[in-house]
Amino acid sequence: MIDITTLRVGATVACFIVFIGIVAWACARRNAKGFEEAARLPFEQD
């Protein structure tokens, strides 16, 4: 059987992998244009 410690380790590893995926997605050059446009939105006037 799987004990609680194994489940906690598995959850921690899964969350770390998701975190690394989000960081990789945010740092990808193909997303830079969209992020730059989103950064300018508060300064645009109607």
Protein backbone atom coordinates (compact mmCIF):
# COMPACT_ATOMS: atom_id res chain seq x y z
CA MET A 1 0.00 0.00 0.00
CA ILE A 2 0.99 3.62 -0.48
CA ASP A 3 1.49 5.54 2.74
CA ILE A 4 0.86 9.25 3.33
CA THR A 5 4.55 10.16 3.00
CA THR A 6 4.72 8.69 -0.50
CA LEU A 7 1.61 10.64 -1.50
CA ARG A 8 3.11 13.86 -0.13
CA VAL A 9 6.36 13.29 -2.02
CA GLY A 10 4.43 12.56 -5.20
CA ALA A 11 2.32 15.70 -4.80
CA THR A 12 5.43 17.80 -4.16
CA VAL A 13 7.19 16.44 -7.25
CA ALA A 14 4.07 16.94 -9.38
CA CYS A 15 3.70 20.56 -8.20
CA PHE A 16 7.38 21.23 -8.89
CA ILE A 17 7.04 19.88 -12.42
CA VAL A 18 3.98 22.08 -13.00
CA PHE A 19 5.90 25.09 -11.63
CA ILE A 20 8.84 24.46 -13.98
CA GLY A 21 6.38 24.15 -16.87
CA ILE A 22 4.77 27.50 -16.03
CA VAL A 23 8.18 29.19 -15.77
CA ALA A 24 9.24 27.71 -19.12
CA TRP A 25 6.00 28.88 -20.73
CA ALA A 26 6.34 32.39 -19.29
CA CYS A 27 9.95 32.70 -20.46
CA ALA A 28 9.34 31.37 -23.98
CA ARG A 29 10.22 33.93 -26.64
CA ARG A 30 7.10 33.13 -28.66
CA ASN A 31 4.96 34.54 -25.82
CA ALA A 32 6.93 37.79 -25.48
CA LYS A 33 4.80 39.77 -27.96
CA GLY A 34 1.57 38.93 -26.16
CA PHE A 35 3.05 39.82 -22.78
CA GLU A 36 4.34 43.14 -24.12
CA GLU A 37 0.87 43.98 -25.46
CA ALA A 38 -0.72 43.05 -22.14
CA ALA A 39 1.80 45.21 -20.28
CA ARG A 40 0.78 48.26 -22.35
CA LEU A 41 -2.98 47.81 -21.80
CA PRO A 42 -3.21 49.93 -18.61
CA PHE A 43 -1.66 52.88 -20.44
CA GLU A 44 -3.89 52.85 -23.51
CA GLN A 45 -6.72 55.32 -23.72
CA ASP A 46 -10.04 54.73 -25.42
